[in-house]
Every structure is written in structure tokens, then in C-alpha cells.
Amino acid sequence: MMHTAVGWHVELEFQEDDQHTRAVAMVRLSDGSEIRAHGHASRHSSDANQPRVGEEIAGARALNELAMQLLTKAHGEIDSASGRSSHSINV
């Protein structure tokens, strides 16, 4: 049996100022669709200015949202193929 290697490239972009970090995560799937998700982090005024920490938090939140959208997409495809409601997909 031959196995096909498939890969996804996930892109993360950040926009930052002194108090806020916004992240956008995007993945292109083999069916040609693109899924985008957003994450946000805010720095409390008493916290040190650590842009990398804001990126990690906002990035993690965007990736988590991306994962949830992928699960929802997969769930819909299972239902379409089977013609019935499938069991929920757990993370």
C-alpha cells in the first residue's frame, strides 16, 4: 500500500502596540479552502513590556480558534458524507 504525504503550512501574523497584540492564523487546505482565525492579548499596565509573551498568547489563541474551526469543518464533512448527524469530535 502506498501512503501519500500531505502537509499544511500555517501562517501567523502579528500586529502590536505597547498594550495589545493581535494575531491572525491562516491555513490552506488540500481542498483549496483557507481557514483564518484571530487571537488577541492585552498587557496590563503594571506588567513589563514583553512583546514575545503577547505574541505567544495571541498566537496560541488564534491557533486554538483555528483548531476549533477545523474540527467543525471535519464534523460537517462527516455528516455530509454519511447523511446523518455524527458524534461530536473531541479535542
PDB file of N, CA and C in Angstrom:
ATOM      1  N   MET A   1       0.845  -1.173   0.000  1.00  0.00           N
ATOM      2  CA  MET A   1       0.000   0.000   0.000  1.00  0.00           C
ATOM      3  C   MET A   1       0.890   1.236   0.000  1.00  0.00           C
ATOM      4  N   MET A   2       0.527   2.210  -0.831  1.00  0.00           N
ATOM      5  CA  MET A   2       1.300   3.439  -0.916  1.00  0.00           C
ATOM      6  C   MET A   2       0.657   4.526  -0.056  1.00  0.00           C
ATOM      7  N   HIS A   3       1.459   5.232   0.708  1.00  0.00           N
ATOM      8  CA  HIS A   3       0.968   6.324   1.541  1.00  0.00           C
ATOM      9  C   HIS A   3       1.357   7.654   0.908  1.00  0.00           C
ATOM     10  N   THR A   4       0.462   8.598   0.965  1.00  0.00           N
ATOM     11  CA  THR A   4       0.716   9.921   0.419  1.00  0.00           C
ATOM     12  C   THR A   4       1.037  10.874   1.562  1.00  0.00           C
ATOM     13  N   ALA A   5       2.130  11.579   1.428  1.00  0.00           N
ATOM     14  CA  ALA A   5       2.482  12.588   2.428  1.00  0.00           C
ATOM     15  C   ALA A   5       1.734  13.874   2.115  1.00  0.00           C
ATOM     16  N   VAL A   6       1.084  14.413   3.112  1.00  0.00           N
ATOM     17  CA  VAL A   6       0.337  15.652   2.967  1.00  0.00           C
ATOM     18  C   VAL A   6       0.871  16.623   3.998  1.00  0.00           C
ATOM     19  N   GLY A   7       0.996  17.878   3.613  1.00  0.00           N
ATOM     20  CA  GLY A   7       1.464  18.875   4.567  1.00  0.00           C
ATOM     21  C   GLY A   7       0.613  20.124   4.501  1.00  0.00           C
ATOM     22  N   TRP A   8       0.505  20.779   5.627  1.00  0.00           N
ATOM     23  CA  TRP A   8      -0.165  22.069   5.716  1.00  0.00           C
ATOM     24  C   TRP A   8       0.844  23.083   6.186  1.00  0.00           C
ATOM     25  N   HIS A   9       0.743  24.281   5.664  1.00  0.00           N
ATOM     26  CA  HIS A   9       1.556  25.391   6.151  1.00  0.00           C
ATOM     27  C   HIS A   9       0.627  26.364   6.865  1.00  0.00           C
ATOM     28  N   VAL A  10       0.913  26.589   8.117  1.00  0.00           N
ATOM     29  CA  VAL A  10       0.137  27.533   8.911  1.00  0.00           C
ATOM     30  C   VAL A  10       0.928  28.825   8.992  1.00  0.00           C
ATOM     31  N   GLU A  11       0.269  29.932   8.672  1.00  0.00           N
ATOM     32  CA  GLU A  11       0.920  31.241   8.760  1.00  0.00           C
ATOM     33  C   GLU A  11       0.351  32.001   9.941  1.00  0.00           C
ATOM     34  N   LEU A  12       1.224  32.667  10.676  1.00  0.00           N
ATOM     35  CA  LEU A  12       0.817  33.529  11.781  1.00  0.00           C
ATOM     36  C   LEU A  12       1.384  34.912  11.526  1.00  0.00           C
ATOM     37  N   GLU A  13       0.531  35.913  11.655  1.00  0.00           N
ATOM     38  CA  GLU A  13       0.974  37.302  11.533  1.00  0.00           C
ATOM     39  C   GLU A  13       0.510  38.052  12.763  1.00  0.00           C
ATOM     40  N   PHE A  14       1.321  39.022  13.179  1.00  0.00           N
ATOM     41  CA  PHE A  14       1.023  39.783  14.390  1.00  0.00           C
ATOM     42  C   PHE A  14       0.997  41.271  14.104  1.00  0.00           C
ATOM     43  N   GLN A  15       0.107  41.970  14.804  1.00  0.00           N
ATOM     44  CA  GLN A  15       0.102  43.429  14.849  1.00  0.00           C
ATOM     45  C   GLN A  15       0.164  43.799  16.321  1.00  0.00           C
ATOM     46  N   GLU A  16       1.093  44.718  16.650  1.00  0.00           N
ATOM     47  CA  GLU A  16       1.319  45.034  18.055  1.00  0.00           C
ATOM     48  C   GLU A  16       1.439  46.527  18.283  1.00  0.00           C
ATOM     49  N   ASP A  17       1.018  46.934  19.473  1.00  0.00           N
ATOM     50  CA  ASP A  17       1.378  48.238  20.003  1.00  0.00           C
ATOM     51  C   ASP A  17       1.836  47.997  21.441  1.00  0.00           C
ATOM     52  N   ASP A  18       1.977  49.037  22.234  1.00  0.00           N
ATOM     53  CA  ASP A  18       2.501  48.868  23.587  1.00  0.00           C
ATOM     54  C   ASP A  18       1.583  48.070  24.501  1.00  0.00           C
ATOM     55  N   GLN A  19       0.306  48.022  24.201  1.00  0.00           N
ATOM     56  CA  GLN A  19      -0.657  47.381  25.103  1.00  0.00           C
ATOM     57  C   GLN A  19      -1.326  46.129  24.521  1.00  0.00           C
ATOM     58  N   HIS A  20      -1.370  46.002  23.194  1.00  0.00           N
ATOM     59  CA  HIS A  20      -2.168  44.950  22.565  1.00  0.00           C
ATOM     60  C   HIS A  20      -1.372  44.193  21.509  1.00  0.00           C
ATOM     61  N   THR A  21      -1.672  42.910  21.397  1.00  0.00           N
ATOM     62  CA  THR A  21      -1.137  42.083  20.315  1.00  0.00           C
ATOM     63  C   THR A  21      -2.301  41.358  19.673  1.00  0.00           C
ATOM     64  N   ARG A  22      -2.388  41.470  18.367  1.00  0.00           N
ATOM     65  CA  ARG A  22      -3.405  40.745  17.606  1.00  0.00           C
ATOM     66  C   ARG A  22      -2.683  39.754  16.697  1.00  0.00           C
ATOM     67  N   ALA A  23      -3.227  38.560  16.620  1.00  0.00           N
ATOM     68  CA  ALA A  23      -2.648  37.518  15.771  1.00  0.00           C
ATOM     69  C   ALA A  23      -3.699  37.032  14.785  1.00  0.00           C
ATOM     70  N   VAL A  24      -3.250  36.720  13.588  1.00  0.00           N
ATOM     71  CA  VAL A  24      -4.087  36.070  12.589  1.00  0.00           C
ATOM     72  C   VAL A  24      -3.370  34.786  12.186  1.00  0.00           C
ATOM     73  N   ALA A  25      -4.090  33.666  12.272  1.00  0.00           N
ATOM     74  CA  ALA A  25      -3.565  32.377  11.828  1.00  0.00           C
ATOM     75  C   ALA A  25      -4.330  31.968  10.588  1.00  0.00           C
ATOM     76  N   MET A  26      -3.624  31.406   9.612  1.00  0.00           N
ATOM     77  CA  MET A  26      -4.264  31.002   8.370  1.00  0.00           C
ATOM     78  C   MET A  26      -3.641  29.700   7.891  1.00  0.00           C
ATOM     79  N   VAL A  27      -4.497  28.792   7.429  1.00  0.00           N
ATOM     80  CA  VAL A  27      -4.031  27.540   6.841  1.00  0.00           C
ATOM     81  C   VAL A  27      -4.767  27.328   5.525  1.00  0.00           C
ATOM     82  N   ARG A  28      -4.032  26.865   4.518  1.00  0.00           N
ATOM     83  CA  ARG A  28      -4.631  26.470   3.233  1.00  0.00           C
ATOM     84  C   ARG A  28      -4.702  24.949   3.228  1.00  0.00           C
ATOM     85  N   LEU A  29      -5.906  24.444   2.965  1.00  0.00           N
ATOM     86  CA  LEU A  29      -6.110  23.002   2.979  1.00  0.00           C
ATOM     87  C   LEU A  29      -6.029  22.433   1.570  1.00  0.00           C
ATOM     88  N   SER A  30      -5.858  21.115   1.487  1.00  0.00           N
ATOM     89  CA  SER A  30      -5.690  20.473   0.187  1.00  0.00           C
ATOM     90  C   SER A  30      -6.933  20.566  -0.683  1.00  0.00           C
ATOM     91  N   ASP A  31      -8.104  20.873  -0.082  1.00  0.00           N
ATOM     92  CA  ASP A  31      -9.309  21.050  -0.902  1.00  0.00           C
ATOM     93  C   ASP A  31      -9.414  22.468  -1.469  1.00  0.00           C
ATOM     94  N   GLY A  32      -8.388  23.288  -1.233  1.00  0.00           N
ATOM     95  CA  GLY A  32      -8.353  24.641  -1.767  1.00  0.00           C
ATOM     96  C   GLY A  32      -8.926  25.690  -0.837  1.00  0.00           C
ATOM     97  N   SER A  33      -9.527  25.273   0.251  1.00  0.00           N
ATOM     98  CA  SER A  33     -10.111  26.247   1.170  1.00  0.00           C
ATOM     99  C   SER A  33      -9.044  26.843   2.084  1.00  0.00           C
ATOM    100  N   GLU A  34      -9.337  28.019   2.573  1.00  0.00           N
ATOM    101  CA  GLU A  34      -8.475  28.682   3.547  1.00  0.00           C
ATOM    102  C   GLU A  34      -9.291  28.915   4.807  1.00  0.00           C
ATOM    103  N   ILE A  35      -8.680  28.698   5.937  1.00  0.00           N
ATOM    104  CA  ILE A  35      -9.329  28.968   7.211  1.00  0.00           C
ATOM    105  C   ILE A  35      -8.481  29.989   7.942  1.00  0.00           C
ATOM    106  N   ARG A  36      -9.136  31.035   8.442  1.00  0.00           N
ATOM    107  CA  ARG A  36      -8.462  32.096   9.195  1.00  0.00           C
ATOM    108  C   ARG A  36      -9.063  32.187  10.582  1.00  0.00           C
ATOM    109  N   ALA A  37      -8.227  32.513  11.536  1.00  0.00           N
ATOM    110  CA  ALA A  37      -8.682  32.701  12.908  1.00  0.00           C
ATOM    111  C   ALA A  37      -7.874  33.822  13.547  1.00  0.00           C
ATOM    112  N   HIS A  38      -8.451  34.414  14.579  1.00  0.00           N
ATOM    113  CA  HIS A  38      -7.830  35.565  15.225  1.00  0.00           C
ATOM    114  C   HIS A  38      -7.623  35.294  16.703  1.00  0.00           C
ATOM    115  N   GLY A  39      -6.594  35.913  17.256  1.00  0.00           N
ATOM    116  CA  GLY A  39      -6.335  35.864  18.686  1.00  0.00           C
ATOM    117  C   GLY A  39      -5.895  37.235  19.156  1.00  0.00           C
ATOM    118  N   HIS A  40      -6.071  37.504  20.433  1.00  0.00           N
ATOM    119  CA  HIS A  40      -5.769  38.820  20.980  1.00  0.00           C
ATOM    120  C   HIS A  40      -5.152  38.659  22.357  1.00  0.00           C
ATOM    121  N   ALA A  41      -4.236  39.542  22.687  1.00  0.00           N
ATOM    122  CA  ALA A  41      -3.665  39.603  24.033  1.00  0.00           C
ATOM    123  C   ALA A  41      -3.531  41.068  24.422  1.00  0.00           C
ATOM    124  N   SER A  42      -3.769  41.343  25.690  1.00  0.00           N
ATOM    125  CA  SER A  42      -3.620  42.704  26.217  1.00  0.00           C
ATOM    126  C   SER A  42      -2.643  42.678  27.382  1.00  0.00           C
ATOM    127  N   ARG A  43      -1.797  43.680  27.433  1.00  0.00           N
ATOM    128  CA  ARG A  43      -0.833  43.792  28.523  1.00  0.00           C
ATOM    129  C   ARG A  43      -1.402  44.719  29.583  1.00  0.00           C
ATOM    130  N   HIS A  44      -1.412  44.237  30.804  1.00  0.00           N
ATOM    131  CA  HIS A  44      -1.828  45.088  31.912  1.00  0.00           C
ATOM    132  C   HIS A  44      -0.764  46.156  32.119  1.00  0.00           C
ATOM    133  N   SER A  45      -1.178  47.361  32.471  1.00  0.00           N
ATOM    134  CA  SER A  45      -0.235  48.480  32.600  1.00  0.00           C
ATOM    135  C   SER A  45       0.859  48.228  33.636  1.00  0.00           C
ATOM    136  N   SER A  46       0.623  47.335  34.590  1.00  0.00           N
ATOM    137  CA  SER A  46       1.651  47.053  35.599  1.00  0.00           C
ATOM    138  C   SER A  46       2.625  45.962  35.151  1.00  0.00           C
ATOM    139  N   ASP A  47       2.344  45.291  34.025  1.00  0.00           N
ATOM    140  CA  ASP A  47       3.239  44.242  33.524  1.00  0.00           C
ATOM    141  C   ASP A  47       4.361  44.829  32.691  1.00  0.00           C
ATOM    142  N   ALA A  48       5.494  44.140  32.693  1.00  0.00           N
ATOM    143  CA  ALA A  48       6.623  44.553  31.858  1.00  0.00           C
ATOM    144  C   ALA A  48       6.239  44.425  30.386  1.00  0.00           C
ATOM    145  N   ASN A  49       6.822  45.283  29.550  1.00  0.00           N
ATOM    146  CA  ASN A  49       6.560  45.227  28.111  1.00  0.00           C
ATOM    147  C   ASN A  49       7.383  44.087  27.515  1.00  0.00           C
ATOM    148  N   GLN A  50       6.731  42.954  27.246  1.00  0.00           N
ATOM    149  CA  GLN A  50       7.387  41.767  26.688  1.00  0.00           C
ATOM    150  C   GLN A  50       6.626  41.346  25.432  1.00  0.00           C
ATOM    151  N   PRO A  51       6.966  41.918  24.291  1.00  0.00           N
ATOM    152  CA  PRO A  51       6.218  41.618  23.058  1.00  0.00           C
ATOM    153  C   PRO A  51       6.144  40.124  22.742  1.00  0.00           C
ATOM    154  N   ARG A  52       7.202  39.379  23.032  1.00  0.00           N
ATOM    155  CA  ARG A  52       7.199  37.950  22.722  1.00  0.00           C
ATOM    156  C   ARG A  52       6.091  37.218  23.482  1.00  0.00           C
ATOM    157  N   VAL A  53       5.852  37.615  24.732  1.00  0.00           N
ATOM    158  CA  VAL A  53       4.799  36.981  25.526  1.00  0.00           C
ATOM    159  C   VAL A  53       3.427  37.282  24.916  1.00  0.00           C
ATOM    160  N   GLY A  54       3.218  38.520  24.501  1.00  0.00           N
ATOM    161  CA  GLY A  54       1.964  38.867  23.838  1.00  0.00           C
ATOM    162  C   GLY A  54       1.755  38.062  22.567  1.00  0.00           C
ATOM    163  N   GLU A  55       2.833  37.857  21.804  1.00  0.00           N
ATOM    164  CA  GLU A  55       2.747  37.050  20.578  1.00  0.00           C
ATOM    165  C   GLU A  55       2.386  35.609  20.908  1.00  0.00           C
ATOM    166  N   GLU A  56       3.007  35.071  21.959  1.00  0.00           N
ATOM    167  CA  GLU A  56       2.725  33.687  22.330  1.00  0.00           C
ATOM    168  C   GLU A  56       1.263  33.516  22.744  1.00  0.00           C
ATOM    169  N   ILE A  57       0.750  34.446  23.526  1.00  0.00           N
ATOM    170  CA  ILE A  57      -0.634  34.337  23.984  1.00  0.00           C
ATOM    171  C   ILE A  57      -1.605  34.544  22.823  1.00  0.00           C
ATOM    172  N   ALA A  58      -1.427  35.618  22.070  1.00  0.00           N
ATOM    173  CA  ALA A  58      -2.318  35.885  20.939  1.00  0.00           C
ATOM    174  C   ALA A  58      -2.214  34.780  19.895  1.00  0.00           C
ATOM    175  N   GLY A  59      -0.990  34.305  19.637  1.00  0.00           N
ATOM    176  CA  GLY A  59      -0.790  33.227  18.674  1.00  0.00           C
ATOM    177  C   GLY A  59      -1.460  31.935  19.112  1.00  0.00           C
ATOM    178  N   ALA A  60      -1.323  31.606  20.401  1.00  0.00           N
ATOM    179  CA  ALA A  60      -1.967  30.393  20.921  1.00  0.00           C
ATOM    180  C   ALA A  60      -3.483  30.490  20.804  1.00  0.00           C
ATOM    181  N   ARG A  61      -4.020  31.651  21.086  1.00  0.00           N
ATOM    182  CA  ARG A  61      -5.475  31.834  20.980  1.00  0.00           C
ATOM    183  C   ARG A  61      -5.945  31.722  19.536  1.00  0.00           C
ATOM    184  N   ALA A  62      -5.182  32.265  18.607  1.00  0.00           N
ATOM    185  CA  ALA A  62      -5.540  32.152  17.192  1.00  0.00           C
ATOM    186  C   ALA A  62      -5.449  30.700  16.724  1.00  0.00           C
ATOM    187  N   LEU A  63      -4.407  29.992  17.141  1.00  0.00           N
ATOM    188  CA  LEU A  63      -4.262  28.588  16.752  1.00  0.00           C
ATOM    189  C   LEU A  63      -5.361  27.727  17.367  1.00  0.00           C
ATOM    190  N   ASN A  64      -5.759  28.037  18.596  1.00  0.00           N
ATOM    191  CA  ASN A  64      -6.847  27.305  19.229  1.00  0.00           C
ATOM    192  C   ASN A  64      -8.142  27.508  18.442  1.00  0.00           C
ATOM    193  N   GLU A  65      -8.413  28.740  18.050  1.00  0.00           N
ATOM    194  CA  GLU A  65      -9.608  29.020  17.256  1.00  0.00           C
ATOM    195  C   GLU A  65      -9.527  28.323  15.893  1.00  0.00           C
ATOM    196  N   LEU A  66      -8.335  28.299  15.301  1.00  0.00           N
ATOM    197  CA  LEU A  66      -8.135  27.602  14.028  1.00  0.00           C
ATOM    198  C   LEU A  66      -8.443  26.112  14.191  1.00  0.00           C
ATOM    199  N   ALA A  67      -7.973  25.519  15.280  1.00  0.00           N
ATOM    200  CA  ALA A  67      -8.235  24.104  15.553  1.00  0.00           C
ATOM    201  C   ALA A  67      -9.734  23.841  15.681  1.00  0.00           C
ATOM    202  N   MET A  68     -10.447  24.722  16.372  1.00  0.00           N
ATOM    203  CA  MET A  68     -11.886  24.536  16.540  1.00  0.00           C
ATOM    204  C   MET A  68     -12.608  24.638  15.193  1.00  0.00           C
ATOM    205  N   GLN A  69     -12.172  25.557  14.346  1.00  0.00           N
ATOM    206  CA  GLN A  69     -12.787  25.681  13.017  1.00  0.00           C
ATOM    207  C   GLN A  69     -12.522  24.436  12.173  1.00  0.00           C
ATOM    208  N   LEU A  70     -11.318  23.860  12.283  1.00  0.00           N
ATOM    209  CA  LEU A  70     -11.004  22.631  11.546  1.00  0.00           C
ATOM    210  C   LEU A  70     -11.873  21.475  12.027  1.00  0.00           C
ATOM    211  N   LEU A  71     -12.082  21.370  13.348  1.00  0.00           N
ATOM    212  CA  LEU A  71     -12.954  20.322  13.877  1.00  0.00           C
ATOM    213  C   LEU A  71     -14.385  20.492  13.383  1.00  0.00           C
ATOM    214  N   THR A  72     -14.872  21.723  13.362  1.00  0.00           N
ATOM    215  CA  THR A  72     -16.226  21.994  12.870  1.00  0.00           C
ATOM    216  C   THR A  72     -16.350  21.627  11.396  1.00  0.00           C
ATOM    217  N   LYS A  73     -15.325  21.973  10.602  1.00  0.00           N
ATOM    218  CA  LYS A  73     -15.328  21.643   9.171  1.00  0.00           C
ATOM    219  C   LYS A  73     -15.348  20.126   8.973  1.00  0.00           C
ATOM    220  N   ALA A  74     -14.509  19.420   9.708  1.00  0.00           N
ATOM    221  CA  ALA A  74     -14.448  17.961   9.590  1.00  0.00           C
ATOM    222  C   ALA A  74     -15.783  17.338   9.995  1.00  0.00           C
ATOM    223  N   HIS A  75     -16.379  17.835  11.061  1.00  0.00           N
ATOM    224  CA  HIS A  75     -17.661  17.329  11.541  1.00  0.00           C
ATOM    225  C   HIS A  75     -18.732  17.486  10.457  1.00  0.00           C
ATOM    226  N   GLY A  76     -18.761  18.646   9.815  1.00  0.00           N
ATOM    227  CA  GLY A  76     -19.717  18.879   8.735  1.00  0.00           C
ATOM    228  C   GLY A  76     -19.494  17.955   7.558  1.00  0.00           C
ATOM    229  N   GLU A  77     -18.238  17.672   7.242  1.00  0.00           N
ATOM    230  CA  GLU A  77     -17.940  16.776   6.123  1.00  0.00           C
ATOM    231  C   GLU A  77     -18.338  15.338   6.434  1.00  0.00           C
ATOM    232  N   ILE A  78     -18.154  14.925   7.691  1.00  0.00           N
ATOM    233  CA  ILE A  78     -18.588  13.581   8.096  1.00  0.00           C
ATOM    234  C   ILE A  78     -20.101  13.472   7.963  1.00  0.00           C
ATOM    235  N   ASP A  79     -20.815  14.493   8.446  1.00  0.00           N
ATOM    236  CA  ASP A  79     -22.282  14.489   8.367  1.00  0.00           C
ATOM    237  C   ASP A  79     -22.758  14.475   6.916  1.00  0.00           C
ATOM    238  N   SER A  80     -22.105  15.264   6.051  1.00  0.00           N
ATOM    239  CA  SER A  80     -22.495  15.304   4.631  1.00  0.00           C
ATOM    240  C   SER A  80     -22.303  13.951   3.965  1.00  0.00           C
ATOM    241  N   ALA A  81     -21.191  13.302   4.255  1.00  0.00           N
ATOM    242  CA  ALA A  81     -20.893  12.023   3.615  1.00  0.00           C
ATOM    243  C   ALA A  81     -21.800  10.905   4.127  1.00  0.00           C
ATOM    244  N   SER A  82     -22.184  10.977   5.405  1.00  0.00           N
ATOM    245  CA  SER A  82     -22.971   9.893   5.989  1.00  0.00           C
ATOM    246  C   SER A  82     -24.476  10.139   5.905  1.00  0.00           C
ATOM    247  N   GLY A  83     -24.879  11.405   5.704  1.00  0.00           N
ATOM    248  CA  GLY A  83     -26.290  11.732   5.658  1.00  0.00           C
ATOM    249  C   GLY A  83     -26.964  11.732   7.012  1.00  0.00           C
ATOM    250  N   ARG A  84     -26.181  11.770   8.069  1.00  0.00           N
ATOM    251  CA  ARG A  84     -26.753  11.797   9.421  1.00  0.00           C
ATOM    252  C   ARG A  84     -25.854  12.620  10.331  1.00  0.00           C
ATOM    253  N   SER A  85     -26.336  12.906  11.514  1.00  0.00           N
ATOM    254  CA  SER A  85     -25.524  13.663  12.482  1.00  0.00           C
ATOM    255  C   SER A  85     -24.546  12.707  13.160  1.00  0.00           C
ATOM    256  N   SER A  86     -23.289  13.062  13.130  1.00  0.00           N
ATOM    257  CA  SER A  86     -22.261  12.229  13.748  1.00  0.00           C
ATOM    258  C   SER A  86     -22.049  12.644  15.195  1.00  0.00           C
ATOM    259  N   HIS A  87     -21.308  11.820  15.889  1.00  0.00           N
ATOM    260  CA  HIS A  87     -20.943  12.152  17.273  1.00  0.00           C
ATOM    261  C   HIS A  87     -19.997  13.334  17.265  1.00  0.00           C
ATOM    262  N   SER A  88     -20.025  14.113  18.323  1.00  0.00           N
ATOM    263  CA  SER A  88     -19.127  15.260  18.381  1.00  0.00           C
ATOM    264  C   SER A  88     -17.675  14.791  18.385  1.00  0.00           C
ATOM    265  N   ILE A  89     -16.832  15.635  17.838  1.00  0.00           N
ATOM    266  CA  ILE A  89     -15.402  15.329  17.749  1.00  0.00           C
ATOM    267  C   ILE A  89     -14.723  16.003  18.930  1.00  0.00           C
ATOM    268  N   ASN A  90     -14.034  15.241  19.728  1.00  0.00           N
ATOM    269  CA  ASN A  90     -13.351  15.787  20.897  1.00  0.00           C
ATOM    270  C   ASN A  90     -11.942  16.214  20.554  1.00  0.00           C
ATOM    271  N   VAL A  91     -11.484  17.221  21.268  1.00  0.00           N
ATOM    272  CA  VAL A  91     -10.115  17.709  21.082  1.00  0.00           C
ATOM    273  C   VAL A  91      -9.184  16.832  21.881  1.00  0.00           C
TER     274      VAL A  91
END
